Structures are given as structure tokens and as C-alpha cells.
Amino acid sequence: MLLDAAESQFGPQIDLSQLPVDYYWNVDLRAAFTMVPEPERAIDCGQTSDDLAELSGLLQRDPQDVVSLWHDLSHVNGLLRLLAYLDLPDTGEVRGD
């Protein structure tokens, strides 16, 4: 339902080259769920174009290959967060095709 709503709003494809938002802040997964005392020390940088490349590679893997949930889902999360960001009423970002 959520992906259908995103497609309805942004179209079947979003051209990442048209969005000036490739990089984003990311909190280390372990730090996010253990509520570390200094979360700012666990912040790193994610990249939506890298997330997309990793997921494209995932789709080309042999079904017998090992799937690393923590790694692969982190890339899914990056792209889902981009969709959420684009839906914010005040971003003014370029929409999909």
C-alpha cells in the first residue's frame, strides 16, 4: 500500500540525478537501538545512490547467495527514508517522472 501510494505520487521512477539530496545522516544501527549516551558519536553518512546500487546488486545475486539482513535492509531503509523526505510538505524538491 505504501509503495503504491509513493508510485501514485512520484511516478514509477524517481531520477536520483535530479535530486540534490544524495547524502544523508545516518545513526549506527547498534547505537540507535541501545540508546548510547552520546548518539552524535554514532552518526555517519549514507548515500541514496549507493543504496540503489546495492539493492540493484541484490536483485542480481544468485538465490543461493547469503543475504545479510542488517546490511541489505539498511539500504532499503535509506531509500524509504528518501521517499518519506520527498513527501514532506516543505522540501520543495523535484518530484519523480
Protein backbone atom coordinates (compact mmCIF):
# COMPACT_ATOMS: atom_id res chain seq x y z
CA MET A 1 0.00 0.00 0.00
CA LEU A 2 2.79 2.45 0.88
CA LEU A 3 4.79 1.72 -2.27
CA ASP A 4 1.61 2.06 -4.36
CA ALA A 5 0.99 5.47 -2.76
CA ALA A 6 4.60 6.51 -3.46
CA GLU A 7 4.26 5.44 -7.10
CA SER A 8 0.99 7.34 -7.39
CA GLN A 9 2.61 10.49 -6.01
CA PHE A 10 6.07 10.34 -7.59
CA GLY A 11 5.54 8.14 -10.66
CA PRO A 12 7.01 4.74 -11.50
CA GLN A 13 10.60 6.04 -11.33
CA ILE A 14 12.45 8.75 -9.46
CA ASP A 15 15.52 10.11 -11.20
CA LEU A 16 18.06 10.43 -8.40
CA SER A 17 20.26 12.62 -10.61
CA GLN A 18 17.51 15.27 -10.44
CA LEU A 19 17.54 15.34 -6.64
CA PRO A 20 20.15 17.35 -4.75
CA VAL A 21 19.81 15.01 -1.76
CA ASP A 22 22.17 12.09 -2.41
CA TYR A 23 23.81 12.12 1.05
CA TYR A 24 22.03 11.83 4.37
CA TRP A 25 22.85 11.48 8.06
CA ASN A 26 22.59 8.01 9.48
CA VAL A 27 22.79 6.75 13.06
CA ASP A 28 24.67 3.48 13.50
CA LEU A 29 22.12 0.70 13.88
CA ARG A 30 23.51 -0.74 17.10
CA ALA A 31 23.75 2.72 18.68
CA ALA A 32 20.21 3.57 17.62
CA PHE A 33 18.73 0.62 19.46
CA THR A 34 20.96 0.57 22.52
CA MET A 35 20.37 4.26 23.23
CA VAL A 36 24.05 5.09 23.67
CA PRO A 37 24.79 8.09 25.89
CA GLU A 38 26.46 10.09 23.09
CA PRO A 39 24.50 9.31 19.91
CA GLU A 40 26.27 12.05 17.97
CA ARG A 41 29.37 9.84 18.05
CA ALA A 42 27.44 7.15 16.14
CA ILE A 43 26.39 9.37 13.23
CA ASP A 44 27.76 8.57 9.82
CA CYS A 45 26.80 9.43 6.27
CA GLY A 46 24.61 7.38 3.93
CA GLN A 47 24.15 7.84 0.19
CA THR A 48 20.94 7.13 -1.72
CA SER A 49 22.77 6.39 -4.98
CA ASP A 50 24.84 3.78 -3.12
CA ASP A 51 21.67 2.37 -1.56
CA LEU A 52 20.15 1.99 -5.01
CA ALA A 53 23.30 0.38 -6.44
CA GLU A 54 23.45 -2.10 -3.54
CA LEU A 55 19.81 -3.09 -3.98
CA SER A 56 20.25 -3.45 -7.74
CA GLY A 57 23.15 -5.80 -7.00
CA LEU A 58 20.98 -7.70 -4.54
CA LEU A 59 18.42 -8.38 -7.26
CA GLN A 60 21.15 -9.84 -9.47
CA ARG A 61 22.51 -12.19 -6.82
CA ASP A 62 22.10 -15.91 -7.08
CA PRO A 63 19.21 -17.08 -4.86
CA GLN A 64 21.70 -19.32 -3.05
CA ASP A 65 23.91 -16.37 -2.03
CA VAL A 66 23.91 -15.32 1.60
CA VAL A 67 21.61 -12.43 2.40
CA SER A 68 22.79 -10.11 5.14
CA LEU A 69 19.60 -8.63 6.57
CA TRP A 70 21.30 -5.93 8.64
CA HIS A 71 23.25 -4.69 5.60
CA ASP A 72 20.65 -5.06 2.86
CA LEU A 73 17.76 -3.70 4.92
CA SER A 74 19.87 -0.66 5.81
CA HIS A 75 19.97 0.17 2.09
CA VAL A 76 16.21 -0.37 1.78
CA ASN A 77 15.79 1.94 4.75
CA GLY A 78 17.86 4.66 3.08
CA LEU A 79 15.59 4.63 0.04
CA LEU A 80 12.41 4.50 2.12
CA ARG A 81 13.64 7.49 4.12
CA LEU A 82 14.25 9.34 0.84
CA LEU A 83 10.61 8.72 -0.14
CA ALA A 84 9.50 9.99 3.27
CA TYR A 85 11.71 13.07 2.88
CA LEU A 86 10.31 13.82 -0.58
CA ASP A 87 6.80 13.65 0.86
CA LEU A 88 7.50 16.33 3.48
CA PRO A 89 5.33 19.36 2.69
CA ASP A 90 8.19 21.86 2.88
CA THR A 91 11.08 20.23 0.97
CA GLY A 92 10.32 21.78 -2.40
CA GLU A 93 12.37 19.00 -4.03
CA VAL A 94 11.96 17.81 -7.60
CA ARG A 95 9.34 15.07 -7.88
CA GLY A 96 9.54 11.84 -9.87
CA ASP A 97 8.86 11.31 -13.58
